[in-house]
Structure formats: structure tokens, C-alpha cells
Amino acid sequence: MPRLSRLLAAGLAVLFGAFFAARAEAAIVVRVDKTTQTMRVIVDGQLQYTWAVSTGRAGYNTPNGSYRPQRFERHWRSRKYGMAPMPHSIFFRGGYAIHGTNMVGRLGRVDSHGCIRLAPANARLLFDMVQRRRGDTRIVIEGTM
């Protein structure tokens, strides 16, 4: 019987650990793949959207890593790049942001100064979704250009 008790206790520990670990993970994961120039938006473990993006071109890297949203700006302009519009900006590391672009014909290939560009409607949708659940959001950037 002691062996059965130990097995039962170990099983319960695994179940509780898995439950609490799942609760600690982000409910929204924004996964950017620089190799394929795509963004996948996963909500509560389910893939909701796959969109074309543009990340940093040669000399303007988009940093890999795992980030949390830091700041939201519905109407923003880049002071660094000639007041270029950056609608629906989700800043995740200093001046780096996910934002809408008017240059939708360039989506799907590297083109930006390091930010992650999206089609305007997709940027608006992502902005509203992430702003509502900012504490439950993780932005993961991986791949190479």
C-alpha cells in the first residue's frame, strides 16, 4: 500500500503542477516568425489568425525573444523616421512595436526599420484584443531574416 500512496501522491502533484503551469502561461501568444514573415495569434491555446508581416530589413534587426506588451498607442508617429505613421502600436521593447502600415504590398518580406508591420485591419484587431488582455499576452519573435 505505501507504494500505491506514493504513486497517487506523485500523480496528484503532476496534475496540480500542470494545472497551475497552464494558468501561468499567456492566454494570448503573438508568435512572429522572421524566416517566413508571418505572425500567428494563438488565443487560449487555439490558433486564431495567421497574417503576413514585415520585420527589419538588413541593418535594422527585429530582436528575437519573448516579451510582454509595454505600451499601447492608438495613434503614434515615429519621431526617429520622419514622423511615419504607426497606427495601433503595441510597444514590446523600447521603441520596437507591432503596428499597422499603409505599405501592405510589402508585407510578407523584410522591409521595416525593426518594427513588426501588419495590415491596418489586422493591427487594429490585434491592438484591441491584446489591450483587453495585456497581462495575459506574450509576444514571441523567432527566426532569421
Protein backbone atom coordinates (compact mmCIF):
# COMPACT_ATOMS: atom_id res chain seq x y z
CA MET A 1 0.00 0.00 0.00
CA PRO A 2 2.75 2.59 0.67
CA ARG A 3 3.86 2.27 -2.98
CA LEU A 4 0.28 2.98 -4.14
CA SER A 5 0.08 6.02 -1.85
CA ARG A 6 3.35 7.38 -3.24
CA LEU A 7 2.15 6.84 -6.82
CA LEU A 8 -1.16 8.54 -6.06
CA ALA A 9 0.59 11.47 -4.39
CA ALA A 10 3.01 11.79 -7.33
CA GLY A 11 0.12 11.70 -9.80
CA LEU A 12 -1.75 14.42 -7.93
CA ALA A 13 1.39 16.56 -7.79
CA VAL A 14 1.78 16.26 -11.56
CA LEU A 15 -1.87 17.18 -12.14
CA PHE A 16 -1.74 20.21 -9.85
CA GLY A 17 1.57 21.29 -11.34
CA ALA A 18 0.23 21.04 -14.89
CA PHE A 19 -2.91 22.97 -13.90
CA PHE A 20 -1.01 25.83 -12.30
CA ALA A 21 1.65 25.91 -15.05
CA ALA A 22 -1.06 26.20 -17.71
CA ARG A 23 -2.71 29.02 -15.74
CA ALA A 24 0.62 30.89 -15.62
CA GLU A 25 1.09 30.78 -19.41
CA ALA A 26 -0.16 33.63 -21.57
CA ALA A 27 -3.72 33.33 -22.84
CA ILE A 28 -2.69 35.25 -25.98
CA VAL A 29 0.54 34.35 -27.71
CA VAL A 30 1.62 36.50 -30.64
CA ARG A 31 4.24 34.42 -32.44
CA VAL A 32 6.30 36.18 -35.14
CA ASP A 33 8.48 34.11 -37.46
CA LYS A 34 11.02 36.31 -39.22
CA THR A 35 12.03 33.45 -41.53
CA THR A 36 8.55 33.14 -43.04
CA GLN A 37 7.47 36.76 -42.33
CA THR A 38 4.29 35.57 -40.66
CA MET A 39 2.50 36.18 -37.38
CA ARG A 40 0.36 33.59 -35.67
CA VAL A 41 -2.07 34.71 -32.97
CA ILE A 42 -2.94 31.95 -30.55
CA VAL A 43 -5.77 32.59 -28.07
CA ASP A 44 -6.32 30.21 -25.18
CA GLY A 45 -4.27 27.55 -26.97
CA GLN A 46 -6.17 27.83 -30.27
CA LEU A 47 -4.73 29.34 -33.46
CA GLN A 48 -7.00 32.27 -34.35
CA TYR A 49 -5.09 34.17 -37.05
CA THR A 50 -2.13 33.84 -39.38
CA TRP A 51 -1.04 37.10 -41.01
CA ALA A 52 1.77 38.31 -43.25
CA VAL A 53 4.14 40.79 -41.59
CA SER A 54 7.25 42.77 -42.41
CA THR A 55 10.13 42.77 -39.97
CA GLY A 56 13.51 44.55 -40.00
CA ARG A 57 15.41 44.66 -43.26
CA ALA A 58 19.20 44.35 -43.48
CA GLY A 59 20.81 46.69 -40.98
CA TYR A 60 17.56 47.06 -38.98
CA ASN A 61 17.09 43.90 -36.95
CA THR A 62 13.87 42.94 -35.22
CA PRO A 63 15.01 41.48 -31.87
CA ASN A 64 14.27 37.82 -31.15
CA GLY A 65 12.93 36.93 -27.73
CA SER A 66 9.85 36.67 -25.56
CA TYR A 67 8.22 39.95 -24.48
CA ARG A 68 5.20 41.38 -22.75
CA PRO A 69 3.35 44.41 -24.14
CA GLN A 70 4.76 47.57 -22.54
CA ARG A 71 2.73 50.40 -24.02
CA PHE A 72 -0.24 50.92 -26.33
CA GLU A 73 -0.60 53.90 -28.68
CA ARG A 74 -3.64 54.02 -30.93
CA HIS A 75 -2.26 56.94 -33.00
CA TRP A 76 1.53 57.16 -33.00
CA ARG A 77 4.16 58.62 -35.29
CA SER A 78 7.83 57.73 -35.42
CA ARG A 79 9.94 60.70 -34.34
CA LYS A 80 13.01 58.74 -35.43
CA TYR A 81 11.80 58.07 -39.01
CA GLY A 82 10.25 61.28 -40.32
CA MET A 83 7.01 61.13 -38.36
CA ALA A 84 5.96 57.99 -40.22
CA PRO A 85 2.52 56.80 -39.04
CA MET A 86 2.45 53.79 -36.71
CA PRO A 87 -1.26 53.18 -36.08
CA HIS A 88 -2.31 50.74 -33.37
CA SER A 89 1.18 50.38 -31.91
CA ILE A 90 1.89 47.72 -29.31
CA PHE A 91 5.35 48.54 -27.95
CA PHE A 92 7.17 45.50 -26.61
CA ARG A 93 10.82 46.58 -26.21
CA GLY A 94 11.78 50.24 -26.06
CA GLY A 95 11.00 51.75 -29.46
CA TYR A 96 10.11 48.40 -31.08
CA ALA A 97 6.43 47.88 -31.78
CA ILE A 98 3.88 45.86 -33.68
CA HIS A 99 1.84 48.35 -35.73
CA GLY A 100 -0.23 48.91 -38.84
CA THR A 101 1.23 50.05 -42.15
CA ASN A 102 -0.04 51.57 -45.37
CA MET A 103 2.61 49.60 -47.27
CA VAL A 104 0.56 46.40 -47.42
CA GLY A 105 2.14 45.40 -50.73
CA ARG A 106 5.43 44.90 -48.88
CA LEU A 107 4.01 42.58 -46.24
CA GLY A 108 5.43 39.07 -46.34
CA ARG A 109 9.03 40.24 -46.77
CA VAL A 110 11.58 42.14 -44.70
CA ASP A 111 11.11 45.88 -45.07
CA SER A 112 10.90 47.75 -41.75
CA HIS A 113 13.37 49.59 -39.53
CA GLY A 114 12.90 46.86 -36.89
CA CYS A 115 9.22 47.11 -36.00
CA ILE A 116 6.72 44.46 -36.99
CA ARG A 117 4.30 45.79 -39.60
CA LEU A 118 0.78 44.47 -40.14
CA ALA A 119 -2.12 45.29 -42.45
CA PRO A 120 -4.18 48.10 -40.85
CA ALA A 121 -7.28 45.99 -40.09
CA ASN A 122 -5.15 43.23 -38.56
CA ALA A 123 -3.20 45.75 -36.46
CA ARG A 124 -6.47 47.24 -35.15
CA LEU A 125 -7.86 43.81 -34.29
CA LEU A 126 -4.65 42.72 -32.54
CA PHE A 127 -4.36 46.04 -30.68
CA ASP A 128 -7.90 45.78 -29.27
CA MET A 129 -7.50 42.09 -28.37
CA VAL A 130 -4.13 42.50 -26.64
CA GLN A 131 -5.06 45.74 -24.88
CA ARG A 132 -8.02 43.99 -23.23
CA ARG A 133 -5.80 41.12 -22.04
CA ARG A 134 -2.39 42.77 -21.75
CA GLY A 135 -1.43 40.86 -18.62
CA ASP A 136 -2.19 37.58 -20.36
CA THR A 137 -0.21 38.31 -23.54
CA ARG A 138 3.21 37.18 -24.65
CA ILE A 139 4.96 38.26 -27.86
CA VAL A 140 7.46 35.71 -29.17
CA ILE A 141 9.82 36.64 -32.00
CA GLU A 142 11.99 33.98 -33.61
CA GLY A 143 13.71 33.07 -36.84
CA THR A 144 16.12 34.89 -39.10
CA MET A 145 15.67 37.30 -41.96
